[in-house]
Protein backbone atom coordinates (compact mmCIF):
# COMPACT_ATOMS: atom_id res chain seq x y z
CA MET A 1 -103.81 11.60 61.90
CA ALA A 2 -100.82 13.43 63.44
CA PHE A 3 -98.14 11.92 65.58
CA SER A 4 -96.11 13.73 67.93
CA GLY A 5 -92.41 12.73 68.13
CA ILE A 6 -89.62 13.50 70.58
CA TYR A 7 -86.78 15.26 69.17
CA LYS A 8 -83.45 16.05 70.85
CA LEU A 9 -81.71 19.17 69.52
CA ASP A 10 -78.05 20.06 69.68
CA ASP A 11 -77.14 22.02 72.70
CA GLY A 12 -74.17 23.63 70.93
CA LYS A 13 -71.54 22.17 73.19
CA PRO A 14 -68.33 20.82 71.56
CA TYR A 15 -67.32 17.16 71.89
CA LEU A 16 -63.67 16.70 71.27
CA ASN A 17 -63.33 13.03 70.27
CA ASN A 18 -60.34 13.27 67.88
CA CYS A 19 -62.41 11.83 64.99
CA PHE A 20 -61.56 14.52 62.43
CA PRO A 21 -59.07 14.73 60.93
CA ALA A 22 -58.50 11.09 60.84
CA ARG A 23 -54.66 11.48 60.62
CA ASN A 24 -52.29 14.39 60.91
CA LEU A 25 -50.55 14.44 57.59
CA LEU A 26 -47.78 16.61 58.86
CA ARG A 27 -46.78 14.34 61.63
CA VAL A 28 -44.22 11.52 61.00
CA PRO A 29 -45.53 8.38 62.60
CA GLU A 30 -43.40 6.73 65.11
CA GLU A 31 -43.94 3.31 63.49
CA GLY A 32 -42.51 4.11 59.96
CA GLN A 33 -41.86 1.84 56.95
CA GLY A 34 -38.88 0.15 58.85
CA HIS A 35 -40.64 -0.52 62.01
CA TRP A 36 -41.86 -3.96 61.09
CA LEU A 37 -38.47 -4.88 59.74
CA VAL A 38 -36.92 -3.93 63.15
CA VAL A 39 -39.45 -5.93 65.08
CA GLN A 40 -39.02 -8.83 62.92
CA LYS A 41 -35.26 -8.93 63.27
CA GLY A 42 -35.73 -8.70 67.01
CA ASN A 43 -38.11 -11.69 67.07
CA LEU A 44 -35.57 -13.68 64.93
CA LYS A 45 -32.85 -12.98 67.48
CA LYS A 46 -34.96 -14.50 70.20
CA LYS A 47 -35.70 -17.69 68.24
CA PRO A 48 -33.35 -20.62 68.48
CA LYS A 49 -30.72 -20.75 65.67
CA GLY A 50 -31.91 -24.19 64.63
CA LEU A 51 -35.42 -23.03 64.01
CA VAL A 52 -34.20 -19.91 62.03
CA GLY A 53 -32.01 -22.04 59.89
CA ALA A 54 -34.84 -24.49 59.09
CA GLN A 55 -36.98 -21.70 58.08
CA ALA A 56 -34.36 -20.19 55.80
CA GLU A 57 -33.81 -23.65 54.06
CA ARG A 58 -37.47 -23.98 53.62
CA ARG A 59 -37.83 -20.53 52.03
CA GLU A 60 -34.98 -21.43 49.64
CA SER A 61 -36.66 -24.69 48.82
CA LEU A 62 -39.96 -22.95 48.01
CA LYS A 63 -38.06 -20.44 45.90
CA ALA A 64 -36.29 -23.04 43.82
CA THR A 65 -39.62 -24.99 43.33
CA SER A 66 -41.31 -21.73 42.23
CA PHE A 67 -38.52 -21.12 39.68
CA GLU A 68 -38.80 -24.59 38.43
CA PHE A 69 -42.53 -24.36 37.87
CA LYS A 70 -42.25 -20.99 36.03
CA GLY A 71 -39.52 -22.58 33.74
CA LYS A 72 -41.82 -25.47 32.87
CA LYS A 73 -44.78 -23.12 32.35
CA GLU A 74 -42.71 -20.99 30.05
CA SER A 75 -41.44 -24.02 28.22
CA ARG A 76 -44.98 -25.27 27.61
CA ARG A 77 -45.99 -21.90 26.39
CA GLU A 78 -43.04 -21.72 23.90
CA ASN A 79 -43.94 -25.23 22.57
CA GLN A 80 -47.57 -24.61 22.37
CA VAL A 81 -47.41 -23.30 18.83
CA ASP A 82 -46.00 -26.51 17.63
CA LEU A 83 -48.84 -28.72 19.15
CA PRO A 84 -51.08 -30.30 16.67
CA GLY A 85 -54.27 -28.33 16.20
CA HIS A 86 -52.70 -25.02 17.32
CA ILE A 87 -52.78 -23.72 13.70
CA LEU A 88 -54.72 -20.62 12.56
CA ASP A 89 -57.32 -22.06 10.22
CA GLN A 90 -61.10 -21.88 9.47
CA ALA A 91 -62.17 -24.04 12.37
CA PHE A 92 -60.33 -22.01 15.01
CA LEU A 93 -61.63 -18.68 13.70
CA LEU A 94 -65.19 -19.87 13.63
CA LYS A 95 -64.97 -21.13 17.12
CA HIS A 96 -63.01 -18.33 18.52
CA HIS A 97 -65.36 -15.68 17.19
CA CYS A 98 -68.55 -17.70 17.88
CA VAL A 99 -69.92 -17.69 14.26
CA ARG A 100 -71.29 -20.47 12.18
CA LYS A 101 -70.16 -19.53 8.78
CA PRO A 102 -67.12 -17.64 7.34
CA SER A 103 -69.29 -15.10 5.74
CA ASP A 104 -70.61 -14.03 9.18
CA LEU A 105 -67.16 -12.79 10.24
CA CYS A 106 -66.20 -9.13 9.41
CA THR A 107 -63.17 -8.63 11.84
CA ILE A 108 -60.60 -11.09 13.30
CA ASN A 109 -58.69 -10.61 16.52
CA VAL A 110 -56.16 -13.29 17.26
CA SER A 111 -53.65 -10.97 19.03
CA GLY A 112 -51.17 -12.58 21.50
CA LEU A 113 -52.13 -16.28 20.75
CA LYS A 114 -48.61 -17.21 19.61
CA PHE A 115 -49.65 -18.76 16.26
CA SER A 116 -46.73 -19.60 14.03
CA LYS A 117 -48.63 -21.48 11.24
CA ALA A 118 -51.69 -20.85 9.15
CA LYS A 119 -53.69 -22.63 6.52
CA GLU A 120 -53.87 -20.02 3.94
CA ASN A 121 -56.38 -21.92 1.68
CA ASP A 122 -58.92 -21.72 4.44
CA PHE A 123 -59.04 -17.95 4.45
CA LYS A 124 -60.42 -17.74 0.83
CA HIS A 125 -63.85 -18.32 2.26
CA PHE A 126 -63.92 -15.23 4.51
CA HIS A 127 -65.24 -12.88 1.95
CA SER A 128 -66.43 -10.29 4.51
CA VAL A 129 -63.31 -9.87 6.67
CA ILE A 130 -61.79 -6.47 6.25
CA TYR A 131 -59.82 -6.10 9.41
CA ILE A 132 -57.50 -8.48 11.20
CA ASN A 133 -55.45 -8.05 14.29
CA ALA A 134 -52.82 -10.55 14.54
CA SER A 135 -50.22 -8.71 16.50
CA GLU A 136 -47.89 -10.59 19.02
CA ASN A 137 -47.85 -13.83 17.10
CA LEU A 138 -45.17 -15.39 14.96
CA LEU A 139 -46.94 -15.26 11.63
CA PRO A 140 -45.54 -13.90 8.27
CA LEU A 141 -47.38 -11.32 6.06
CA GLU A 142 -47.91 -13.64 3.23
CA ALA A 143 -50.02 -16.01 5.48
CA PHE A 144 -52.93 -13.40 5.03
CA HIS A 145 -52.77 -12.84 1.36
CA THR A 146 -55.71 -15.08 0.51
CA PHE A 147 -58.21 -13.01 2.41
CA PRO A 148 -60.11 -11.53 -0.56
CA ALA A 149 -61.54 -8.36 0.98
CA LEU A 150 -58.75 -7.44 3.58
CA LYS A 151 -58.25 -3.72 4.07
CA GLU A 152 -56.54 -3.42 7.48
CA LEU A 153 -53.91 -5.77 8.89
CA ASP A 154 -52.02 -5.44 12.25
CA LEU A 155 -48.92 -7.58 12.43
CA ALA A 156 -46.95 -5.70 15.04
CA PHE A 157 -44.59 -7.92 17.21
CA ASN A 158 -44.43 -11.00 14.91
CA GLY A 159 -40.68 -11.17 14.52
CA ILE A 160 -41.03 -10.66 10.69
CA LYS A 161 -37.65 -10.05 8.86
CA THR A 162 -38.57 -10.78 5.18
CA ILE A 163 -41.56 -10.17 2.97
CA TYR A 164 -42.75 -12.48 0.23
CA VAL A 165 -45.41 -10.86 -1.82
CA LYS A 166 -46.28 -10.83 -5.49
CA TYR A 167 -48.35 -8.77 -7.76
CA GLY A 168 -51.91 -9.51 -7.24
CA ASP A 169 -51.60 -10.06 -3.46
CA PHE A 170 -53.45 -7.78 -0.99
CA LYS A 171 -55.32 -6.08 -3.76
CA LEU A 172 -57.56 -4.07 -1.41
CA LEU A 173 -55.13 -3.60 1.61
CA GLU A 174 -54.97 0.00 2.80
CA PHE A 175 -53.52 -0.13 6.34
CA LEU A 176 -50.58 -2.30 7.34
CA ASP A 177 -48.91 -2.22 10.81
CA LEU A 178 -45.53 -3.85 10.96
CA SER A 179 -44.20 -2.11 13.99
CA PHE A 180 -41.66 -3.70 16.21
CA ASN A 181 -40.44 -6.38 13.92
CA SER A 182 -37.01 -6.78 12.28
CA LEU A 183 -37.63 -5.86 8.69
CA THR A 184 -34.64 -5.58 6.28
CA VAL A 185 -34.32 -2.82 3.67
CA GLU A 186 -35.15 -5.32 1.01
CA ALA A 187 -38.35 -6.26 2.79
CA ILE A 188 -39.55 -2.60 2.75
CA CYS A 189 -38.89 -2.47 -1.06
CA ASP A 190 -41.00 -5.50 -1.52
CA LEU A 191 -43.95 -3.80 0.20
CA GLY A 192 -43.96 -1.17 -2.50
CA ILE A 193 -45.89 -3.37 -4.94
CA LEU A 194 -48.99 -3.23 -2.78
CA PRO A 195 -51.28 -1.04 -4.95
CA HIS A 196 -53.58 0.46 -2.64
CA LEU A 197 -51.50 0.73 0.54
CA ARG A 198 -52.24 4.12 2.14
CA VAL A 199 -50.87 3.84 5.72
CA LEU A 200 -47.65 1.90 6.61
CA LEU A 201 -46.39 1.69 10.19
CA LEU A 202 -42.74 0.73 10.50
CA THR A 203 -42.10 1.88 14.13
CA GLY A 204 -39.30 0.24 16.05
CA ASN A 205 -37.80 -1.96 13.41
CA GLY A 206 -34.17 -1.05 14.11
CA LEU A 207 -33.79 0.49 10.67
CA THR A 208 -30.36 2.11 10.00
CA SER A 209 -31.01 3.23 6.42
CA LEU A 210 -33.71 3.32 3.62
CA PRO A 211 -33.23 1.83 0.18
CA PRO A 212 -32.14 4.63 -2.24
CA ASN A 213 -34.75 3.25 -4.79
CA LEU A 214 -37.62 3.23 -2.16
CA ALA A 215 -40.10 4.86 -4.45
CA VAL A 216 -38.85 3.98 -7.96
CA ALA A 217 -37.24 0.92 -9.34
CA GLU A 218 -35.67 0.68 -12.84
CA GLN A 219 -36.74 -2.44 -14.85
CA GLU A 220 -34.49 -4.07 -17.42
CA ALA A 221 -35.21 -2.91 -20.96
CA SER A 222 -37.31 -5.36 -23.17
CA VAL A 223 -36.03 -6.87 -26.14
CA THR A 224 -38.61 -5.00 -28.42
CA SER A 225 -37.71 -1.58 -26.99
CA LEU A 226 -34.01 -1.37 -26.08
CA THR A 227 -33.92 2.38 -26.24
CA SER A 228 -36.82 3.28 -23.76
CA LYS A 229 -36.26 3.07 -19.89
CA ARG A 230 -38.98 1.37 -17.84
CA TYR A 231 -39.66 2.27 -14.24
CA ILE A 232 -41.90 0.76 -11.60
CA LEU A 233 -43.36 3.11 -9.19
CA ARG A 234 -43.49 1.77 -5.73
CA PHE A 235 -45.97 2.78 -3.10
CA PRO A 236 -48.22 4.50 -5.58
CA ALA A 237 -50.88 5.24 -3.01
CA LEU A 238 -48.91 5.68 0.26
CA GLU A 239 -50.09 8.74 2.30
CA THR A 240 -48.73 8.01 5.78
CA LEU A 241 -45.46 6.55 6.76
CA MET A 242 -44.41 6.05 10.30
CA LEU A 243 -40.58 5.43 10.72
CA ASP A 244 -40.23 6.56 14.41
CA ASP A 245 -38.15 4.79 16.95
CA ASN A 246 -35.61 3.52 14.52
CA ARG A 247 -31.89 4.13 14.04
CA LEU A 248 -31.84 6.42 10.99
CA SER A 249 -29.10 8.95 10.93
CA ASN A 250 -27.93 9.54 7.45
CA PRO A 251 -29.48 12.46 5.61
CA SER A 252 -29.73 10.41 2.52
CA CYS A 253 -32.91 8.91 3.93
CA PHE A 254 -34.65 12.08 2.75
CA ALA A 255 -33.64 11.41 -0.75
CA SER A 256 -35.14 8.02 -0.49
CA LEU A 257 -38.45 9.34 0.73
CA ALA A 258 -38.58 12.26 -1.81
CA GLY A 259 -39.99 10.06 -4.58
CA LEU A 260 -43.12 9.17 -2.55
CA ARG A 261 -45.51 11.39 -4.59
CA ARG A 262 -48.68 11.02 -2.41
CA LEU A 263 -46.92 11.04 0.98
CA LYS A 264 -48.69 13.49 3.36
CA LYS A 265 -47.67 12.46 6.91
CA LEU A 266 -44.19 11.23 7.81
CA SER A 267 -42.88 10.60 11.38
CA LEU A 268 -39.14 10.34 12.13
CA ASP A 269 -39.37 10.73 15.92
CA GLU A 270 -36.89 9.06 18.09
CA ASN A 271 -34.24 8.53 15.36
CA ARG A 272 -30.65 9.87 15.13
CA ILE A 273 -31.03 12.42 12.50
CA ILE A 274 -29.22 15.80 13.44
CA ARG A 275 -29.78 17.74 10.31
CA ILE A 276 -32.15 17.90 7.25
CA PRO A 277 -30.42 18.48 3.83
CA TYR A 278 -31.66 20.86 1.23
CA LEU A 279 -34.23 19.01 -0.85
CA GLN A 280 -35.02 19.75 -4.47
CA GLN A 281 -37.67 18.08 -6.50
CA VAL A 282 -36.41 16.02 -9.27
CA GLN A 283 -38.59 15.39 -12.35
CA LEU A 284 -37.90 11.80 -13.65
CA TYR A 285 -40.35 11.75 -16.49
CA ASP A 286 -39.28 12.50 -19.99
CA GLU A 287 -40.16 11.19 -23.47
CA SER A 288 -38.12 8.06 -23.13
CA VAL A 289 -39.44 6.96 -19.83
CA ASP A 290 -42.27 4.53 -19.52
CA TRP A 291 -44.13 4.46 -16.18
CA ASN A 292 -45.77 1.34 -14.73
CA GLY A 293 -48.08 1.35 -11.78
CA GLY A 294 -48.40 5.15 -11.53
CA ARG A 295 -51.66 6.85 -10.88
CA GLY A 296 -52.30 10.49 -11.97
C-alpha cells in the first residue's frame, strides 16, 4: 500500500541568518580578557567602602583557613607512615591486590603509598612475585631481599642514600631502577655484587663522580697464597647502565666504566662532560691473578 507525502523543496533563495561561521576569528572582540576586570572594579567603586572592606576581610579569613587546613592535611600525610598498621607486610599485600594466598601474587604495585617500614620475613612466602613497583616511598633496597623469585624492582624516588646487600641477596634480580635517589659512590659499588643484574637505572642521583674501582675490586691476599692477587669482578652481567641527569664532568668516569665487560648500552645525557678521552683496553689478567665472580 503506497502513501503519498507532501514534500517542500528548496527554492534556491539564500537566507542570511549569520549562523555560519559562528565567530569571526580575525576580529578582536570588544569584550576582551580584561573586560570583566574593568566591570568588576567599576562595581566595587559604586559599593560602600564598609561593604568592600568587610568582603576583603572575609576573603583573607577564608584564605588563612584554607592554608591551615592544607597544613594539617600535609602533616597527617607525613605522619601516616608512622601510624600503627601502615607497614608493608603480607596482610597488606594480600588485601591491596585482592588475593587470598601469597602464591597467587605475581606482581606488586605499592607506588606512592609512602611506606617507610616493611616486614621482611613476610616476603619469604611470595614465591611467585617477579616484579615490584615500590617507587615514591621511603623504603630501602634491602627491605626486598627476601622475595625469592624477584627479577625486576623499581625503587625510584625513595630517598635512598646507602645500600646494604650481601652475597646471596637478590640472586635472580635482573632489573633495578634507583632513579632520583641520593646514592653515594660507595652505594653504587655495593650494587656490584648482584650476580645477575643486567639493567641498572641511576638517573638523577646527583652523582659528581664514579668510583675508580667500579668494575673490579682488589681483595686482600690470603694467608696461604701471599704471592697471588685476587680480584672481585663487580657487575658481572650488567648490560645497560643509565647515568643521565647527573653531575658527572671528569673524564675519569670513562676509565671507571671501561672495566664493565658486558656493557652494551650507556646513557650519559644531561651531564657536564665536555670531552671524551682516548680509551685503550687494558688487560688485567695474567698468571698471578685469580678472578672471582667472572663469567666467560
